[in-house]
Amino acid sequence: MKIGIIGAGNIGATLARKLAAGGHEVKLANSKGPDTIRDLAGDIGAAAVSKEEAVQGVDVVVLSIPFGNYRDLGGLFGDVAKEVVVIDTSNYYPFRDGAIADVDGGMPESVWVSGQIGRPVIKTWNAVLAATLAEKGRLDGTDGRIAIPVAGDAPEAKAIAIELVEAIGFEALDTGGLAASWRQQPGTPAYCTELATSELKEALRSADRSRAANNRDALI
């Protein structure tokens, strides 16, 4: 596939490396311009581009930026084909992102993201550490595969996201629509806990929405 990744931090760069190693054609962008990541992209096997170039001529766009920065991407997808899959890997941390009233009021993070960019998104790779992605992928059929939740409302787009999750060595668990994606946000038992599929299902089921934000802030 042709994949554009916006965000060259720990998660974005790790995904770029893994996906490029798997034979995908990867373009990598950040907020400061391609010259600032040209060496990194070359080491990864990706092309350093602007964020505007990252969303053009691709099958999938992966957004891996600080949550509050989505407010700056409002016009980015205006002429991007509707069939392009958009994956959101971000998480909301008020101390970093500033208070966002809608999310503080209970709106699932990726529902808010969809509103900011004017596109439906698939939420995945948010509930896993970069080190886990880099070091703990396992071949299909191998014992000890870690499960990663995948939420979204479009079946075709979700199927592509699931394919990519599994291609880099993890079990993808379809967790339903975006309305339920709060179950994989920070402060829940599914967040960054490296669980097998059966364990992840139980963690998602046991998530307590009323306690998640307090748990998140206490952890920080």
N, C-alpha and C. Protein backbone atom coordinates (compact mmCIF):
# COMPACT_ATOMS: atom_id res chain seq x y z
N MET A 1 0.84 -1.20 0.00
CA MET A 1 0.00 0.00 0.00
C MET A 1 0.88 1.25 0.00
N LYS A 2 0.29 2.35 -0.40
CA LYS A 2 0.93 3.65 -0.28
C LYS A 2 0.38 4.32 0.97
N ILE A 3 1.28 4.68 1.89
CA ILE A 3 0.86 5.14 3.21
C ILE A 3 1.55 6.46 3.53
N GLY A 4 0.77 7.45 3.92
CA GLY A 4 1.30 8.71 4.41
C GLY A 4 1.19 8.76 5.92
N ILE A 5 2.25 9.13 6.59
CA ILE A 5 2.25 9.24 8.04
C ILE A 5 2.58 10.67 8.42
N ILE A 6 1.70 11.30 9.17
CA ILE A 6 1.95 12.65 9.66
C ILE A 6 2.26 12.55 11.15
N GLY A 7 3.47 12.90 11.50
CA GLY A 7 3.96 12.75 12.86
C GLY A 7 5.17 11.84 12.86
N ALA A 8 6.33 12.38 13.20
CA ALA A 8 7.57 11.60 13.16
C ALA A 8 8.14 11.40 14.56
N GLY A 9 7.25 11.40 15.56
CA GLY A 9 7.67 11.10 16.93
C GLY A 9 7.82 9.60 17.12
N ASN A 10 7.75 9.17 18.37
CA ASN A 10 8.03 7.77 18.68
C ASN A 10 7.09 6.81 17.94
N ILE A 11 5.78 7.06 18.01
CA ILE A 11 4.83 6.16 17.37
C ILE A 11 4.90 6.28 15.85
N GLY A 12 4.84 7.51 15.34
CA GLY A 12 4.85 7.70 13.89
C GLY A 12 6.09 7.13 13.23
N ALA A 13 7.25 7.40 13.79
CA ALA A 13 8.49 6.90 13.21
C ALA A 13 8.58 5.38 13.30
N THR A 14 8.13 4.83 14.40
CA THR A 14 8.15 3.37 14.56
C THR A 14 7.24 2.70 13.54
N LEU A 15 6.04 3.24 13.37
CA LEU A 15 5.12 2.68 12.38
C LEU A 15 5.70 2.82 10.98
N ALA A 16 6.30 3.97 10.69
CA ALA A 16 6.91 4.16 9.37
C ALA A 16 7.97 3.10 9.10
N ARG A 17 8.81 2.84 10.10
CA ARG A 17 9.87 1.85 9.95
C ARG A 17 9.31 0.45 9.72
N LYS A 18 8.31 0.09 10.53
CA LYS A 18 7.73 -1.26 10.43
C LYS A 18 7.00 -1.45 9.11
N LEU A 19 6.25 -0.45 8.70
CA LEU A 19 5.47 -0.56 7.47
C LEU A 19 6.37 -0.54 6.24
N ALA A 20 7.41 0.29 6.25
CA ALA A 20 8.35 0.30 5.14
C ALA A 20 9.09 -1.03 5.04
N ALA A 21 9.44 -1.60 6.19
CA ALA A 21 10.11 -2.90 6.18
C ALA A 21 9.21 -4.00 5.64
N GLY A 22 7.91 -3.80 5.76
CA GLY A 22 6.95 -4.77 5.24
C GLY A 22 6.63 -4.59 3.77
N GLY A 23 7.32 -3.67 3.12
CA GLY A 23 7.15 -3.51 1.69
C GLY A 23 6.19 -2.41 1.27
N HIS A 24 5.65 -1.66 2.22
CA HIS A 24 4.75 -0.57 1.88
C HIS A 24 5.55 0.67 1.48
N GLU A 25 4.96 1.47 0.64
CA GLU A 25 5.58 2.73 0.20
C GLU A 25 5.14 3.83 1.17
N VAL A 26 6.08 4.34 1.94
CA VAL A 26 5.74 5.24 3.06
C VAL A 26 6.27 6.64 2.81
N LYS A 27 5.40 7.62 3.04
CA LYS A 27 5.80 9.03 3.08
C LYS A 27 5.65 9.51 4.51
N LEU A 28 6.64 10.24 5.00
CA LEU A 28 6.66 10.68 6.40
C LEU A 28 6.74 12.20 6.46
N ALA A 29 5.87 12.79 7.28
CA ALA A 29 5.83 14.24 7.42
C ALA A 29 5.78 14.62 8.90
N ASN A 30 6.18 15.85 9.18
CA ASN A 30 6.03 16.39 10.53
C ASN A 30 5.58 17.84 10.43
N SER A 31 5.57 18.54 11.53
CA SER A 31 5.08 19.92 11.54
C SER A 31 6.13 20.93 11.11
N LYS A 32 7.40 20.52 11.05
CA LYS A 32 8.48 21.47 10.80
C LYS A 32 9.02 21.45 9.38
N GLY A 33 8.53 20.51 8.58
CA GLY A 33 8.98 20.46 7.20
C GLY A 33 9.91 19.30 6.92
N PRO A 34 9.94 18.84 5.67
CA PRO A 34 10.69 17.62 5.33
C PRO A 34 12.19 17.70 5.56
N ASP A 35 12.76 18.88 5.48
CA ASP A 35 14.21 18.97 5.68
C ASP A 35 14.63 18.54 7.08
N THR A 36 13.73 18.70 8.04
CA THR A 36 14.06 18.37 9.43
C THR A 36 14.01 16.88 9.72
N ILE A 37 13.43 16.10 8.81
CA ILE A 37 13.33 14.65 9.05
C ILE A 37 13.92 13.84 7.90
N ARG A 38 14.67 14.48 7.02
CA ARG A 38 15.18 13.78 5.84
C ARG A 38 16.10 12.63 6.23
N ASP A 39 16.98 12.84 7.19
CA ASP A 39 17.89 11.77 7.61
C ASP A 39 17.11 10.63 8.26
N LEU A 40 16.15 10.98 9.11
CA LEU A 40 15.33 9.95 9.76
C LEU A 40 14.57 9.14 8.72
N ALA A 41 13.94 9.83 7.79
CA ALA A 41 13.16 9.13 6.76
C ALA A 41 14.05 8.21 5.93
N GLY A 42 15.25 8.70 5.59
CA GLY A 42 16.16 7.88 4.82
C GLY A 42 16.57 6.61 5.55
N ASP A 43 16.80 6.74 6.84
CA ASP A 43 17.16 5.58 7.66
C ASP A 43 16.01 4.58 7.74
N ILE A 44 14.80 5.10 7.78
CA ILE A 44 13.61 4.25 7.88
C ILE A 44 13.30 3.56 6.56
N GLY A 45 13.62 4.23 5.46
CA GLY A 45 13.20 3.73 4.15
C GLY A 45 11.94 4.40 3.65
N ALA A 46 11.68 5.61 4.16
CA ALA A 46 10.51 6.39 3.77
C ALA A 46 10.96 7.65 3.04
N ALA A 47 10.00 8.34 2.42
CA ALA A 47 10.27 9.62 1.78
C ALA A 47 9.85 10.74 2.71
N ALA A 48 10.70 11.72 2.91
CA ALA A 48 10.36 12.89 3.74
C ALA A 48 9.57 13.86 2.88
N VAL A 49 8.39 14.23 3.35
CA VAL A 49 7.50 15.11 2.58
C VAL A 49 6.84 16.11 3.52
N SER A 50 6.13 17.07 2.93
CA SER A 50 5.29 17.97 3.71
C SER A 50 4.00 17.25 4.09
N LYS A 51 3.28 17.78 5.06
CA LYS A 51 2.02 17.15 5.45
C LYS A 51 1.01 17.19 4.32
N GLU A 52 1.07 18.23 3.49
CA GLU A 52 0.18 18.31 2.34
C GLU A 52 0.47 17.21 1.34
N GLU A 53 1.74 16.90 1.14
CA GLU A 53 2.12 15.82 0.23
C GLU A 53 1.80 14.45 0.82
N ALA A 54 1.82 14.35 2.14
CA ALA A 54 1.60 13.06 2.79
C ALA A 54 0.20 12.51 2.56
N VAL A 55 -0.77 13.37 2.31
CA VAL A 55 -2.16 12.91 2.17
C VAL A 55 -2.57 12.73 0.71
N GLN A 56 -1.66 12.98 -0.22
CA GLN A 56 -1.98 12.87 -1.64
C GLN A 56 -1.37 11.61 -2.24
N GLY A 57 -2.16 10.94 -3.09
CA GLY A 57 -1.66 9.77 -3.80
C GLY A 57 -1.39 8.58 -2.91
N VAL A 58 -2.14 8.45 -1.81
CA VAL A 58 -1.94 7.34 -0.87
C VAL A 58 -3.25 6.58 -0.67
N ASP A 59 -3.11 5.39 -0.12
CA ASP A 59 -4.27 4.57 0.24
C ASP A 59 -4.68 4.79 1.68
N VAL A 60 -3.71 5.11 2.52
CA VAL A 60 -3.92 5.25 3.96
C VAL A 60 -3.15 6.45 4.46
N VAL A 61 -3.75 7.20 5.37
CA VAL A 61 -3.05 8.27 6.10
C VAL A 61 -3.09 7.91 7.58
N VAL A 62 -1.94 7.90 8.21
CA VAL A 62 -1.83 7.66 9.65
C VAL A 62 -1.49 8.99 10.32
N LEU A 63 -2.32 9.39 11.26
CA LEU A 63 -2.12 10.64 11.99
C LEU A 63 -1.57 10.30 13.38
N SER A 64 -0.37 10.76 13.65
CA SER A 64 0.29 10.43 14.91
C SER A 64 0.92 11.69 15.48
N ILE A 65 0.05 12.64 15.82
CA ILE A 65 0.47 13.95 16.31
C ILE A 65 -0.13 14.19 17.68
N PRO A 66 0.40 15.16 18.45
CA PRO A 66 -0.24 15.51 19.72
C PRO A 66 -1.71 15.86 19.50
N PHE A 67 -2.54 15.40 20.39
CA PHE A 67 -3.99 15.49 20.22
C PHE A 67 -4.47 16.91 19.95
N GLY A 68 -3.95 17.88 20.68
CA GLY A 68 -4.41 19.25 20.51
C GLY A 68 -4.09 19.83 19.15
N ASN A 69 -3.12 19.24 18.45
CA ASN A 69 -2.71 19.78 17.15
C ASN A 69 -3.68 19.45 16.03
N TYR A 70 -4.65 18.60 16.30
CA TYR A 70 -5.64 18.31 15.26
C TYR A 70 -6.42 19.56 14.87
N ARG A 71 -6.47 20.53 15.74
CA ARG A 71 -7.17 21.77 15.41
C ARG A 71 -6.50 22.51 14.26
N ASP A 72 -5.24 22.15 13.96
CA ASP A 72 -4.51 22.81 12.89
C ASP A 72 -4.64 22.09 11.54
N LEU A 73 -5.37 20.97 11.51
CA LEU A 73 -5.45 20.17 10.28
C LEU A 73 -6.79 20.31 9.58
N GLY A 74 -7.57 21.32 9.93
CA GLY A 74 -8.93 21.44 9.43
C GLY A 74 -9.08 21.39 7.93
N GLY A 75 -8.18 22.01 7.17
CA GLY A 75 -8.32 22.04 5.72
C GLY A 75 -7.51 21.01 4.97
N LEU A 76 -6.80 20.16 5.69
CA LEU A 76 -5.84 19.27 5.04
C LEU A 76 -6.49 18.23 4.13
N PHE A 77 -7.69 17.81 4.49
CA PHE A 77 -8.32 16.70 3.77
C PHE A 77 -9.39 17.15 2.77
N GLY A 78 -9.42 18.44 2.47
CA GLY A 78 -10.47 18.97 1.62
C GLY A 78 -10.57 18.31 0.27
N ASP A 79 -9.43 17.97 -0.35
CA ASP A 79 -9.47 17.36 -1.67
C ASP A 79 -8.88 15.95 -1.68
N VAL A 80 -8.90 15.31 -0.52
CA VAL A 80 -8.43 13.92 -0.42
C VAL A 80 -9.60 12.98 -0.71
N ALA A 81 -9.36 12.00 -1.56
CA ALA A 81 -10.42 11.07 -1.97
C ALA A 81 -11.06 10.41 -0.75
N LYS A 82 -12.38 10.21 -0.83
CA LYS A 82 -13.12 9.66 0.30
C LYS A 82 -12.70 8.25 0.66
N GLU A 83 -12.18 7.51 -0.32
CA GLU A 83 -11.80 6.12 -0.02
C GLU A 83 -10.48 6.00 0.71
N VAL A 84 -9.75 7.09 0.85
CA VAL A 84 -8.49 7.04 1.60
C VAL A 84 -8.80 6.81 3.08
N VAL A 85 -8.19 5.79 3.65
CA VAL A 85 -8.40 5.44 5.06
C VAL A 85 -7.57 6.36 5.94
N VAL A 86 -8.19 6.91 6.98
CA VAL A 86 -7.48 7.78 7.91
C VAL A 86 -7.45 7.10 9.28
N ILE A 87 -6.26 6.89 9.80
CA ILE A 87 -6.07 6.21 11.09
C ILE A 87 -5.56 7.22 12.11
N ASP A 88 -6.20 7.26 13.26
CA ASP A 88 -5.83 8.15 14.36
C ASP A 88 -5.16 7.34 15.46
N THR A 89 -3.91 7.69 15.79
CA THR A 89 -3.19 6.98 16.86
C THR A 89 -3.07 7.79 18.13
N SER A 90 -3.73 8.95 18.19
CA SER A 90 -3.46 9.92 19.25
C SER A 90 -4.23 9.63 20.53
N ASN A 91 -3.82 10.31 21.59
CA ASN A 91 -4.48 10.27 22.89
C ASN A 91 -4.51 11.66 23.50
N TYR A 92 -5.57 11.93 24.23
CA TYR A 92 -5.77 13.24 24.85
C TYR A 92 -5.17 13.28 26.24
N TYR A 93 -4.24 14.23 26.43
CA TYR A 93 -3.68 14.51 27.75
C TYR A 93 -3.82 16.01 28.00
N PRO A 94 -4.74 16.41 28.86
CA PRO A 94 -5.00 17.84 29.05
C PRO A 94 -3.77 18.66 29.44
N PHE A 95 -2.86 18.08 30.20
CA PHE A 95 -1.67 18.85 30.63
C PHE A 95 -0.82 19.26 29.44
N ARG A 96 -0.87 18.47 28.36
CA ARG A 96 -0.10 18.76 27.15
C ARG A 96 -0.93 19.48 26.10
N ASP A 97 -2.18 19.05 25.95
CA ASP A 97 -3.01 19.50 24.83
C ASP A 97 -3.90 20.69 25.17
N GLY A 98 -3.98 21.05 26.46
CA GLY A 98 -4.94 22.06 26.88
C GLY A 98 -6.31 21.42 27.03
N ALA A 99 -7.13 22.01 27.86
CA ALA A 99 -8.47 21.44 28.10
C ALA A 99 -9.32 21.56 26.84
N ILE A 100 -9.99 20.48 26.50
CA ILE A 100 -10.92 20.44 25.37
C ILE A 100 -12.28 20.07 25.92
N ALA A 101 -13.19 21.03 25.93
CA ALA A 101 -14.46 20.87 26.66
C ALA A 101 -15.26 19.68 26.17
N ASP A 102 -15.32 19.46 24.86
CA ASP A 102 -16.12 18.35 24.34
C ASP A 102 -15.61 17.01 24.84
N VAL A 103 -14.30 16.84 24.83
CA VAL A 103 -13.72 15.58 25.28
C VAL A 103 -13.85 15.44 26.79
N ASP A 104 -13.62 16.54 27.51
CA ASP A 104 -13.81 16.51 28.96
C ASP A 104 -15.26 16.18 29.31
N GLY A 105 -16.17 16.53 28.44
CA GLY A 105 -17.58 16.26 28.66
C GLY A 105 -18.01 14.86 28.27
N GLY A 106 -17.09 14.06 27.74
CA GLY A 106 -17.41 12.67 27.44
C GLY A 106 -17.36 12.26 25.99
N MET A 107 -17.10 13.19 25.07
CA MET A 107 -17.00 12.82 23.66
C MET A 107 -15.76 11.95 23.46
N PRO A 108 -15.89 10.77 22.86
CA PRO A 108 -14.71 9.95 22.59
C PRO A 108 -13.68 10.73 21.76
N GLU A 109 -12.44 10.51 22.07
CA GLU A 109 -11.37 11.28 21.45
C GLU A 109 -11.43 11.27 19.92
N SER A 110 -11.59 10.09 19.34
CA SER A 110 -11.55 10.01 17.89
C SER A 110 -12.81 10.53 17.22
N VAL A 111 -13.91 10.61 17.96
CA VAL A 111 -15.09 11.30 17.44
C VAL A 111 -14.76 12.79 17.29
N TRP A 112 -14.09 13.34 18.30
CA TRP A 112 -13.66 14.74 18.25
C TRP A 112 -12.68 14.96 17.10
N VAL A 113 -11.73 14.05 16.94
CA VAL A 113 -10.76 14.16 15.85
C VAL A 113 -11.47 14.18 14.50
N SER A 114 -12.43 13.30 14.32
CA SER A 114 -13.17 13.25 13.06
C SER A 114 -13.81 14.60 12.76
N GLY A 115 -14.34 15.24 13.79
CA GLY A 115 -14.95 16.55 13.60
C GLY A 115 -13.94 17.61 13.23
N GLN A 116 -12.74 17.52 13.78
CA GLN A 116 -11.72 18.53 13.50
C GLN A 116 -11.23 18.47 12.06
N ILE A 117 -11.07 17.27 11.53
CA ILE A 117 -10.51 17.12 10.19
C ILE A 117 -11.57 16.92 9.12
N GLY A 118 -12.82 16.77 9.54
CA GLY A 118 -13.90 16.61 8.58
C GLY A 118 -13.90 15.27 7.88
N ARG A 119 -13.34 14.25 8.54
CA ARG A 119 -13.25 12.91 7.96
C ARG A 119 -13.45 11.87 9.04
N PRO A 120 -14.14 10.76 8.72
CA PRO A 120 -14.19 9.66 9.68
C PRO A 120 -12.81 9.04 9.84
N VAL A 121 -12.50 8.58 11.03
CA VAL A 121 -11.20 7.96 11.28
C VAL A 121 -11.39 6.58 11.88
N ILE A 122 -10.33 5.80 11.79
CA ILE A 122 -10.21 4.54 12.51
C ILE A 122 -9.23 4.77 13.64
N LYS A 123 -9.60 4.35 14.85
CA LYS A 123 -8.70 4.55 15.99
C LYS A 123 -7.98 3.24 16.30
N THR A 124 -6.67 3.27 16.14
CA THR A 124 -5.85 2.13 16.53
C THR A 124 -4.41 2.58 16.75
N TRP A 125 -3.60 1.67 17.28
CA TRP A 125 -2.21 1.95 17.64
C TRP A 125 -2.11 3.04 18.69
N ASN A 126 -3.21 3.45 19.29
CA ASN A 126 -3.15 4.45 20.37
C ASN A 126 -2.89 3.81 21.71
N ALA A 127 -3.27 2.54 21.86
CA ALA A 127 -3.23 1.89 23.17
C ALA A 127 -2.02 0.98 23.31
N VAL A 128 -0.91 1.41 22.74
CA VAL A 128 0.30 0.60 22.76
C VAL A 128 1.51 1.53 22.77
N LEU A 129 2.54 1.15 23.48
CA LEU A 129 3.76 1.94 23.55
C LEU A 129 4.59 1.77 22.28
N ALA A 130 5.37 2.79 21.94
CA ALA A 130 6.25 2.69 20.78
C ALA A 130 7.24 1.53 20.93
N ALA A 131 7.74 1.33 22.14
CA ALA A 131 8.68 0.23 22.36
C ALA A 131 8.02 -1.12 22.11
N THR A 132 6.75 -1.23 22.46
CA THR A 132 6.02 -2.47 22.19
C THR A 132 5.91 -2.69 20.69
N LEU A 133 5.54 -1.64 19.95
CA LEU A 133 5.44 -1.76 18.50
C LEU A 133 6.79 -2.14 17.88
N ALA A 134 7.85 -1.56 18.39
CA ALA A 134 9.17 -1.78 17.81
C ALA A 134 9.72 -3.16 18.10
N GLU A 135 9.43 -3.69 19.28
CA GLU A 135 10.16 -4.86 19.76
C GLU A 135 9.34 -6.13 19.93
N LYS A 136 8.01 -6.03 19.99
CA LYS A 136 7.24 -7.19 20.43
C LYS A 136 6.25 -7.73 19.41
N GLY A 137 6.39 -7.34 18.16
CA GLY A 137 5.60 -7.96 17.11
C GLY A 137 6.02 -9.42 16.92
N ARG A 138 5.06 -10.27 16.59
CA ARG A 138 5.31 -11.70 16.39
C ARG A 138 4.62 -12.16 15.11
N LEU A 139 5.20 -13.15 14.45
CA LEU A 139 4.60 -13.69 13.25
C LEU A 139 3.25 -14.31 13.55
N ASP A 140 2.36 -14.28 12.58
CA ASP A 140 1.04 -14.90 12.72
C ASP A 140 1.22 -16.37 13.07
N GLY A 141 0.46 -16.83 14.06
CA GLY A 141 0.56 -18.21 14.50
C GLY A 141 1.56 -18.44 15.60
N THR A 142 2.31 -17.40 15.97
CA THR A 142 3.31 -17.49 17.03
C THR A 142 2.67 -17.23 18.39
N ASP A 143 3.05 -17.99 19.40
CA ASP A 143 2.55 -17.75 20.75
C ASP A 143 2.99 -16.38 21.25
N GLY A 144 2.17 -15.77 22.11
CA GLY A 144 2.55 -14.52 22.76
C GLY A 144 2.24 -13.27 21.97
N ARG A 145 1.41 -13.39 20.94
CA ARG A 145 1.07 -12.19 20.17
C ARG A 145 0.21 -11.24 21.02
N ILE A 146 0.56 -9.98 21.02
CA ILE A 146 -0.16 -8.95 21.75
C ILE A 146 -1.31 -8.45 20.89
N ALA A 147 -2.46 -8.21 21.52
CA ALA A 147 -3.65 -7.73 20.81
C ALA A 147 -3.72 -6.21 20.87
N ILE A 148 -4.17 -5.62 19.78
CA ILE A 148 -4.32 -4.17 19.67
C ILE A 148 -5.76 -3.86 19.26
N PRO A 149 -6.44 -2.98 19.99
CA PRO A 149 -7.83 -2.65 19.65
C PRO A 149 -7.92 -1.76 18.41
N VAL A 150 -8.97 -1.99 17.62
CA VAL A 150 -9.22 -1.22 16.41
C VAL A 150 -10.70 -0.83 16.41
N ALA A 151 -10.98 0.47 16.44
CA ALA A 151 -12.36 0.96 16.48
C ALA A 151 -12.64 1.83 15.27
N GLY A 152 -13.86 1.78 14.76
CA GLY A 152 -14.23 2.62 13.64
C GLY A 152 -15.61 2.26 13.12
N ASP A 153 -16.17 3.15 12.32
CA ASP A 153 -17.54 2.98 11.85
C ASP A 153 -17.65 2.49 10.42
N ALA A 154 -16.56 2.52 9.65
CA ALA A 154 -16.60 2.11 8.24
C ALA A 154 -15.95 0.74 8.11
N PRO A 155 -16.72 -0.30 7.78
CA PRO A 155 -16.17 -1.66 7.74
C PRO A 155 -14.98 -1.82 6.79
N GLU A 156 -15.04 -1.21 5.61
CA GLU A 156 -13.95 -1.37 4.65
C GLU A 156 -12.67 -0.72 5.17
N ALA A 157 -12.79 0.47 5.73
CA ALA A 157 -11.62 1.16 6.28
C ALA A 157 -11.06 0.40 7.48
N LYS A 158 -11.95 -0.11 8.31
CA LYS A 158 -11.49 -0.86 9.48
C LYS A 158 -10.76 -2.13 9.06
N ALA A 159 -11.23 -2.77 8.00
CA ALA A 159 -10.58 -3.99 7.52
C ALA A 159 -9.15 -3.72 7.08
N ILE A 160 -8.92 -2.57 6.45
CA ILE A 160 -7.57 -2.20 6.03
C ILE A 160 -6.69 -1.93 7.25
N ALA A 161 -7.23 -1.22 8.23
CA ALA A 161 -6.47 -0.96 9.45
C ALA A 161 -6.11 -2.26 10.15
N ILE A 162 -7.06 -3.18 10.22
CA ILE A 162 -6.80 -4.49 10.84
C ILE A 162 -5.69 -5.22 10.09
N GLU A 163 -5.72 -5.16 8.77
CA GLU A 163 -4.68 -5.80 7.97
C GLU A 163 -3.30 -5.24 8.30
N LEU A 164 -3.21 -3.93 8.47
CA LEU A 164 -1.92 -3.31 8.77
C LEU A 164 -1.44 -3.64 10.18
N VAL A 165 -2.37 -3.65 11.14
CA VAL A 165 -2.01 -4.02 12.51
C VAL A 165 -1.42 -5.43 12.54
N GLU A 166 -2.07 -6.35 11.83
CA GLU A 166 -1.62 -7.73 11.85
C GLU A 166 -0.33 -7.92 11.05
N ALA A 167 -0.15 -7.09 10.02
CA ALA A 167 1.04 -7.22 9.19
C ALA A 167 2.32 -6.89 9.94
N ILE A 168 2.22 -6.05 10.99
CA ILE A 168 3.43 -5.70 11.74
C ILE A 168 3.56 -6.52 13.03
N GLY A 169 2.78 -7.61 13.12
CA GLY A 169 3.05 -8.59 14.18
C GLY A 169 2.13 -8.60 15.37
N PHE A 170 0.91 -8.08 15.24
CA PHE A 170 0.00 -8.02 16.37
C PHE A 170 -1.37 -8.57 15.98
N GLU A 171 -2.12 -9.00 16.99
CA GLU A 171 -3.49 -9.44 16.78
C GLU A 171 -4.39 -8.22 16.83
N ALA A 172 -5.17 -8.01 15.80
CA ALA A 172 -6.11 -6.88 15.78
C ALA A 172 -7.46 -7.34 16.32
N LEU A 173 -8.00 -6.57 17.25
CA LEU A 173 -9.31 -6.86 17.83
C LEU A 173 -10.28 -5.76 17.45
N ASP A 174 -11.30 -6.11 16.69
CA ASP A 174 -12.34 -5.16 16.31
C ASP A 174 -13.16 -4.84 17.55
N THR A 175 -13.12 -3.57 17.98
CA THR A 175 -13.80 -3.17 19.21
C THR A 175 -15.09 -2.40 18.96
N GLY A 176 -15.57 -2.40 17.72
CA GLY A 176 -16.83 -1.74 17.42
C GLY A 176 -16.63 -0.35 16.85
N GLY A 177 -17.66 0.47 17.00
CA GLY A 177 -17.64 1.81 16.42
C GLY A 177 -16.89 2.81 17.27
N LEU A 178 -16.73 4.02 16.71
CA LEU A 178 -15.99 5.06 17.42
C LEU A 178 -16.66 5.47 18.71
N ALA A 179 -17.98 5.34 18.79
CA ALA A 179 -18.68 5.73 20.01
C ALA A 179 -18.19 4.93 21.22
N ALA A 180 -17.72 3.71 20.97
CA ALA A 180 -17.23 2.86 22.05
C ALA A 180 -15.72 2.94 22.21
N SER A 181 -15.04 3.79 21.44
CA SER A 181 -13.58 3.80 21.46
C SER A 181 -13.01 4.40 22.74
N TRP A 182 -13.86 4.98 23.59
CA TRP A 182 -13.38 5.45 24.90
C TRP A 182 -12.80 4.30 25.71
N ARG A 183 -13.21 3.08 25.40
CA ARG A 183 -12.75 1.91 26.15
C ARG A 183 -11.27 1.61 25.91
N GLN A 184 -10.66 2.23 24.91
CA GLN A 184 -9.22 2.03 24.66
C GLN A 184 -8.42 3.30 24.85
N GLN A 185 -9.01 4.29 25.50
CA GLN A 185 -8.33 5.56 25.77
C GLN A 185 -7.51 5.47 27.06
N PRO A 186 -6.64 6.44 27.30
CA PRO A 186 -5.86 6.46 28.54
C PRO A 186 -6.75 6.39 29.78
N GLY A 187 -6.27 5.66 30.78
CA GLY A 187 -7.02 5.51 32.03
C GLY A 187 -7.90 4.30 32.07
N THR A 188 -7.88 3.49 31.01
CA THR A 188 -8.68 2.26 30.98
C THR A 188 -7.76 1.04 31.06
N PRO A 189 -8.31 -0.12 31.41
CA PRO A 189 -7.48 -1.32 31.53
C PRO A 189 -6.87 -1.80 30.22
N ALA A 190 -7.40 -1.34 29.09
CA ALA A 190 -6.87 -1.77 27.79
C ALA A 190 -5.69 -0.94 27.33
N TYR A 191 -5.40 0.13 28.03
CA TYR A 191 -4.41 1.11 27.56
C TYR A 191 -3.00 0.72 27.96
N CYS A 192 -2.18 0.40 26.96
CA CYS A 192 -0.74 0.14 27.16
C CYS A 192 -0.47 -0.96 28.18
N THR A 193 -1.23 -2.05 28.06
CA THR A 193 -1.08 -3.14 29.02
C THR A 193 -0.64 -4.46 28.39
N GLU A 194 -0.40 -4.52 27.08
CA GLU A 194 0.19 -5.67 26.40
C GLU A 194 -0.55 -6.96 26.71
N LEU A 195 -1.80 -7.03 26.28
CA LEU A 195 -2.67 -8.16 26.59
C LEU A 195 -2.87 -9.06 25.39
N ALA A 196 -3.13 -10.34 25.67
CA ALA A 196 -3.58 -11.26 24.63
C ALA A 196 -5.03 -10.93 24.28
N THR A 197 -5.52 -11.50 23.19
CA THR A 197 -6.86 -11.15 22.72
C THR A 197 -7.93 -11.38 23.77
N SER A 198 -7.93 -12.53 24.42
CA SER A 198 -8.95 -12.82 25.43
C SER A 198 -8.86 -11.85 26.60
N GLU A 199 -7.64 -11.49 26.98
CA GLU A 199 -7.45 -10.54 28.07
C GLU A 199 -7.88 -9.14 27.67
N LEU A 200 -7.60 -8.77 26.43
CA LEU A 200 -8.00 -7.45 25.96
C LEU A 200 -9.52 -7.33 25.91
N LYS A 201 -10.20 -8.38 25.49
CA LYS A 201 -11.67 -8.35 25.47
C LYS A 201 -12.21 -8.08 26.88
N GLU A 202 -11.65 -8.72 27.87
CA GLU A 202 -12.10 -8.53 29.25
C GLU A 202 -11.76 -7.13 29.73
N ALA A 203 -10.57 -6.63 29.37
CA ALA A 203 -10.18 -5.27 29.78
C ALA A 203 -11.13 -4.24 29.19
N LEU A 204 -11.48 -4.40 27.94
CA LEU A 204 -12.42 -3.47 27.30
C LEU A 204 -13.78 -3.53 27.97
N ARG A 205 -14.22 -4.75 28.28
CA ARG A 205 -15.53 -4.92 28.91
C ARG A 205 -15.58 -4.28 30.29
N SER A 206 -14.46 -4.33 31.00
CA SER A 206 -14.46 -3.86 32.39
C SER A 206 -14.16 -2.36 32.52
N ALA A 207 -13.93 -1.68 31.41
CA ALA A 207 -13.60 -0.25 31.48
C ALA A 207 -14.72 0.55 32.14
N ASP A 208 -14.34 1.47 32.99
CA ASP A 208 -15.29 2.32 33.72
C ASP A 208 -15.13 3.76 33.22
N ARG A 209 -16.10 4.21 32.46
CA ARG A 209 -15.99 5.53 31.83
C ARG A 209 -15.91 6.64 32.88
N SER A 210 -16.58 6.47 34.00
CA SER A 210 -16.61 7.52 35.01
C SER A 210 -15.26 7.69 35.71
N ARG A 211 -14.41 6.69 35.62
CA ARG A 211 -13.13 6.75 36.32
C ARG A 211 -11.94 6.96 35.40
N ALA A 212 -12.15 6.84 34.08
CA ALA A 212 -11.02 6.82 33.15
C ALA A 212 -10.19 8.10 33.20
N ALA A 213 -10.84 9.26 33.17
CA ALA A 213 -10.09 10.51 33.16
C ALA A 213 -9.27 10.69 34.43
N ASN A 214 -9.85 10.35 35.58
CA ASN A 214 -9.11 10.45 36.85
C ASN A 214 -7.93 9.49 36.87
N ASN A 215 -8.15 8.28 36.35
CA ASN A 215 -7.05 7.32 36.27
C ASN A 215 -5.93 7.85 35.39
N ARG A 216 -6.30 8.42 34.26
CA ARG A 216 -5.31 8.99 33.33
C ARG A 216 -4.49 10.07 34.01
N ASP A 217 -5.15 10.99 34.68
CA ASP A 217 -4.45 12.11 35.30
C ASP A 217 -3.61 11.66 36.49
N ALA A 218 -4.10 10.66 37.22
CA ALA A 218 -3.33 10.13 38.35
C ALA A 218 -2.06 9.45 37.86
N LEU A 219 -2.15 8.76 36.74
CA LEU A 219 -0.98 8.09 36.18
C LEU A 219 0.09 9.10 35.80
N ILE A 220 -0.32 10.19 35.17
CA ILE A 220 0.63 11.22 34.79
C ILE A 220 1.25 11.85 36.03
